[in-house]
Amino acid sequence: MLRVIAWVIFLLLFGLTVTLTIPNAHLVPLNYYTGSVQIHLTVLLLLTLALGIWLGIFFNLMWVWHLWRENQRLKQLQKPARRKND
């Protein structure tokens, strides 16, 4: 059931994306420090979305890694206490 819901949400988002993409195929200027370039609005939005996804994954993995290290540290602290009880 969860897979069906996920597919329905995916298809709705895909349909919304296609619906908004087709009429907005204009060229927009992308200005940066050393110059500028004309790029399609759709491509710019997809690049921005991809960058946001990668940054989100990166920071989430940093948080998970920090928790993993903290868990390992606490396990090391717990070992002597377990030995005393045995």
N, C-alpha and C. Protein backbone atom coordinates (compact mmCIF):
# COMPACT_ATOMS: atom_id res chain seq x y z
N MET A 1 0.81 -1.19 0.00
CA MET A 1 0.00 0.00 0.00
C MET A 1 0.86 1.26 0.00
N LEU A 2 1.95 1.23 0.78
CA LEU A 2 2.84 2.38 0.84
C LEU A 2 3.51 2.63 -0.51
N ARG A 3 3.84 1.58 -1.22
CA ARG A 3 4.44 1.74 -2.55
C ARG A 3 3.47 2.41 -3.51
N VAL A 4 2.21 2.03 -3.43
CA VAL A 4 1.20 2.62 -4.31
C VAL A 4 1.07 4.11 -4.02
N ILE A 5 1.03 4.47 -2.74
CA ILE A 5 0.94 5.87 -2.36
C ILE A 5 2.16 6.64 -2.84
N ALA A 6 3.35 6.05 -2.69
CA ALA A 6 4.58 6.70 -3.14
C ALA A 6 4.55 6.91 -4.66
N TRP A 7 4.09 5.92 -5.40
CA TRP A 7 4.02 6.05 -6.86
C TRP A 7 3.00 7.12 -7.26
N VAL A 8 1.89 7.17 -6.58
CA VAL A 8 0.88 8.18 -6.90
C VAL A 8 1.44 9.58 -6.65
N ILE A 9 2.12 9.77 -5.52
CA ILE A 9 2.73 11.06 -5.21
C ILE A 9 3.79 11.40 -6.25
N PHE A 10 4.61 10.43 -6.61
CA PHE A 10 5.64 10.65 -7.63
C PHE A 10 5.02 11.06 -8.96
N LEU A 11 3.99 10.37 -9.38
CA LEU A 11 3.35 10.69 -10.66
C LEU A 11 2.67 12.06 -10.62
N LEU A 12 2.08 12.42 -9.49
CA LEU A 12 1.49 13.75 -9.37
C LEU A 12 2.55 14.84 -9.45
N LEU A 13 3.66 14.63 -8.76
CA LEU A 13 4.74 15.61 -8.83
C LEU A 13 5.35 15.69 -10.23
N PHE A 14 5.49 14.54 -10.87
CA PHE A 14 6.02 14.53 -12.24
C PHE A 14 5.07 15.26 -13.18
N GLY A 15 3.78 15.02 -13.05
CA GLY A 15 2.80 15.71 -13.89
C GLY A 15 2.80 17.20 -13.64
N LEU A 16 2.90 17.60 -12.37
CA LEU A 16 2.98 19.02 -12.04
C LEU A 16 4.24 19.65 -12.63
N THR A 17 5.33 18.93 -12.56
CA THR A 17 6.59 19.43 -13.12
C THR A 17 6.48 19.63 -14.62
N VAL A 18 5.95 18.65 -15.31
CA VAL A 18 5.80 18.77 -16.76
C VAL A 18 4.84 19.91 -17.11
N THR A 19 3.76 20.04 -16.35
CA THR A 19 2.79 21.10 -16.60
C THR A 19 3.40 22.48 -16.42
N LEU A 20 4.26 22.64 -15.43
CA LEU A 20 4.89 23.94 -15.21
C LEU A 20 6.11 24.17 -16.11
N THR A 21 6.71 23.11 -16.59
CA THR A 21 7.92 23.24 -17.39
C THR A 21 7.63 23.67 -18.82
N ILE A 22 6.64 23.10 -19.43
CA ILE A 22 6.38 23.34 -20.85
C ILE A 22 6.14 24.83 -21.15
N PRO A 23 5.30 25.53 -20.41
CA PRO A 23 5.11 26.95 -20.76
C PRO A 23 6.24 27.86 -20.28
N ASN A 24 7.13 27.39 -19.44
CA ASN A 24 8.21 28.23 -18.90
C ASN A 24 9.57 27.83 -19.46
N ALA A 25 9.66 27.73 -20.75
CA ALA A 25 10.92 27.33 -21.39
C ALA A 25 11.72 28.55 -21.84
N HIS A 26 11.62 29.64 -21.12
CA HIS A 26 12.31 30.88 -21.47
C HIS A 26 13.78 30.82 -21.07
N LEU A 27 14.57 31.61 -21.77
CA LEU A 27 15.97 31.76 -21.40
C LEU A 27 16.07 32.86 -20.34
N VAL A 28 16.84 32.58 -19.31
CA VAL A 28 17.07 33.57 -18.25
C VAL A 28 18.57 33.75 -18.08
N PRO A 29 19.00 34.96 -17.71
CA PRO A 29 20.44 35.17 -17.51
C PRO A 29 20.87 34.62 -16.15
N LEU A 30 21.98 33.92 -16.16
CA LEU A 30 22.59 33.45 -14.92
C LEU A 30 23.89 34.22 -14.76
N ASN A 31 23.90 35.15 -13.82
CA ASN A 31 25.06 36.01 -13.61
C ASN A 31 25.93 35.42 -12.50
N TYR A 32 27.23 35.40 -12.74
CA TYR A 32 28.19 34.96 -11.74
C TYR A 32 29.36 35.92 -11.77
N TYR A 33 30.36 35.70 -10.93
CA TYR A 33 31.42 36.69 -10.73
C TYR A 33 32.18 37.05 -12.01
N THR A 34 32.48 36.09 -12.83
CA THR A 34 33.33 36.36 -13.99
C THR A 34 32.55 36.54 -15.29
N GLY A 35 31.23 36.47 -15.24
CA GLY A 35 30.46 36.65 -16.47
C GLY A 35 29.02 36.24 -16.27
N SER A 36 28.37 35.92 -17.37
CA SER A 36 26.99 35.46 -17.30
C SER A 36 26.72 34.54 -18.48
N VAL A 37 25.64 33.78 -18.37
CA VAL A 37 25.27 32.85 -19.43
C VAL A 37 23.74 32.80 -19.49
N GLN A 38 23.21 32.57 -20.67
CA GLN A 38 21.77 32.39 -20.85
C GLN A 38 21.46 30.90 -20.69
N ILE A 39 20.51 30.58 -19.83
CA ILE A 39 20.17 29.18 -19.56
C ILE A 39 18.65 29.07 -19.47
N HIS A 40 18.12 27.94 -19.86
CA HIS A 40 16.68 27.73 -19.76
C HIS A 40 16.25 27.73 -18.30
N LEU A 41 15.12 28.30 -18.03
CA LEU A 41 14.60 28.38 -16.67
C LEU A 41 14.44 26.98 -16.07
N THR A 42 13.99 26.04 -16.87
CA THR A 42 13.80 24.68 -16.40
C THR A 42 15.11 24.06 -15.94
N VAL A 43 16.15 24.23 -16.73
CA VAL A 43 17.46 23.68 -16.38
C VAL A 43 17.98 24.33 -15.10
N LEU A 44 17.79 25.63 -14.98
CA LEU A 44 18.23 26.33 -13.78
C LEU A 44 17.50 25.82 -12.54
N LEU A 45 16.19 25.61 -12.66
CA LEU A 45 15.43 25.09 -11.53
C LEU A 45 15.85 23.67 -11.17
N LEU A 46 16.10 22.84 -12.17
CA LEU A 46 16.54 21.47 -11.90
C LEU A 46 17.93 21.44 -11.25
N LEU A 47 18.82 22.32 -11.71
CA LEU A 47 20.14 22.39 -11.09
C LEU A 47 20.05 22.86 -9.64
N THR A 48 19.19 23.83 -9.39
CA THR A 48 19.00 24.31 -8.03
C THR A 48 18.40 23.22 -7.15
N LEU A 49 17.43 22.49 -7.67
CA LEU A 49 16.83 21.38 -6.92
C LEU A 49 17.88 20.31 -6.63
N ALA A 50 18.67 19.95 -7.62
CA ALA A 50 19.70 18.93 -7.42
C ALA A 50 20.73 19.39 -6.37
N LEU A 51 21.13 20.65 -6.44
CA LEU A 51 22.07 21.17 -5.44
C LEU A 51 21.47 21.11 -4.04
N GLY A 52 20.20 21.47 -3.91
CA GLY A 52 19.53 21.40 -2.61
C GLY A 52 19.44 19.98 -2.09
N ILE A 53 19.15 19.04 -2.97
CA ILE A 53 19.07 17.63 -2.56
C ILE A 53 20.44 17.15 -2.08
N TRP A 54 21.49 17.45 -2.84
CA TRP A 54 22.83 17.01 -2.45
C TRP A 54 23.29 17.64 -1.15
N LEU A 55 23.00 18.92 -0.97
CA LEU A 55 23.36 19.57 0.29
C LEU A 55 22.57 18.97 1.46
N GLY A 56 21.31 18.68 1.25
CA GLY A 56 20.50 18.04 2.29
C GLY A 56 21.03 16.67 2.67
N ILE A 57 21.40 15.89 1.67
CA ILE A 57 21.97 14.56 1.93
C ILE A 57 23.29 14.69 2.66
N PHE A 58 24.12 15.63 2.24
CA PHE A 58 25.44 15.81 2.86
C PHE A 58 25.31 16.17 4.33
N PHE A 59 24.48 17.16 4.64
CA PHE A 59 24.33 17.58 6.04
C PHE A 59 23.64 16.52 6.88
N ASN A 60 22.72 15.77 6.29
CA ASN A 60 22.08 14.69 7.00
C ASN A 60 23.09 13.59 7.32
N LEU A 61 23.96 13.26 6.36
CA LEU A 61 24.98 12.25 6.61
C LEU A 61 25.99 12.71 7.65
N MET A 62 26.29 14.01 7.67
CA MET A 62 27.18 14.52 8.72
C MET A 62 26.55 14.33 10.09
N TRP A 63 25.26 14.57 10.21
CA TRP A 63 24.55 14.39 11.47
C TRP A 63 24.53 12.92 11.88
N VAL A 64 24.25 12.02 10.92
CA VAL A 64 24.23 10.59 11.20
C VAL A 64 25.63 10.12 11.61
N TRP A 65 26.67 10.61 10.96
CA TRP A 65 28.03 10.22 11.31
C TRP A 65 28.37 10.68 12.72
N HIS A 66 27.96 11.88 13.08
CA HIS A 66 28.19 12.39 14.43
C HIS A 66 27.49 11.49 15.46
N LEU A 67 26.25 11.12 15.19
CA LEU A 67 25.53 10.23 16.11
C LEU A 67 26.19 8.87 16.19
N TRP A 68 26.69 8.34 15.09
CA TRP A 68 27.37 7.04 15.09
C TRP A 68 28.63 7.11 15.96
N ARG A 69 29.41 8.21 15.81
CA ARG A 69 30.62 8.36 16.63
C ARG A 69 30.27 8.48 18.11
N GLU A 70 29.23 9.20 18.43
CA GLU A 70 28.79 9.33 19.82
C GLU A 70 28.35 7.98 20.37
N ASN A 71 27.66 7.19 19.56
CA ASN A 71 27.23 5.86 19.95
C ASN A 71 28.43 4.96 20.22
N GLN A 72 29.44 5.03 19.35
CA GLN A 72 30.65 4.23 19.57
C GLN A 72 31.36 4.64 20.85
N ARG A 73 31.42 5.94 21.12
CA ARG A 73 32.06 6.43 22.33
C ARG A 73 31.33 5.93 23.58
N LEU A 74 30.01 5.97 23.54
CA LEU A 74 29.22 5.51 24.68
C LEU A 74 29.35 3.99 24.87
N LYS A 75 29.46 3.23 23.80
CA LYS A 75 29.68 1.79 23.92
C LYS A 75 31.02 1.50 24.58
N GLN A 76 32.04 2.28 24.23
CA GLN A 76 33.35 2.09 24.86
C GLN A 76 33.29 2.41 26.35
N LEU A 77 32.53 3.43 26.73
CA LEU A 77 32.39 3.77 28.14
C LEU A 77 31.60 2.71 28.90
N GLN A 78 30.71 2.04 28.21
CA GLN A 78 29.85 1.04 28.84
C GLN A 78 30.57 -0.29 29.07
N LYS A 79 31.60 -0.60 28.30
CA LYS A 79 32.29 -1.89 28.42
C LYS A 79 32.85 -2.15 29.82
N PRO A 80 33.56 -1.21 30.45
CA PRO A 80 34.07 -1.50 31.81
C PRO A 80 32.95 -1.74 32.83
N ALA A 81 31.85 -1.04 32.69
CA ALA A 81 30.74 -1.22 33.63
C ALA A 81 30.12 -2.60 33.47
N ARG A 82 30.05 -3.09 32.25
CA ARG A 82 29.50 -4.43 32.00
C ARG A 82 30.42 -5.50 32.58
N ARG A 83 31.73 -5.30 32.47
CA ARG A 83 32.70 -6.29 32.98
C ARG A 83 32.61 -6.40 34.50
N LYS A 84 32.36 -5.28 35.18
CA LYS A 84 32.25 -5.30 36.64
C LYS A 84 31.04 -6.08 37.10
N ASN A 85 29.96 -6.01 36.33
CA ASN A 85 28.72 -6.70 36.70
C ASN A 85 28.78 -8.19 36.41
N ASP A 86 29.64 -8.61 35.52
CA ASP A 86 29.71 -10.04 35.16
C ASP A 86 30.52 -10.86 36.09
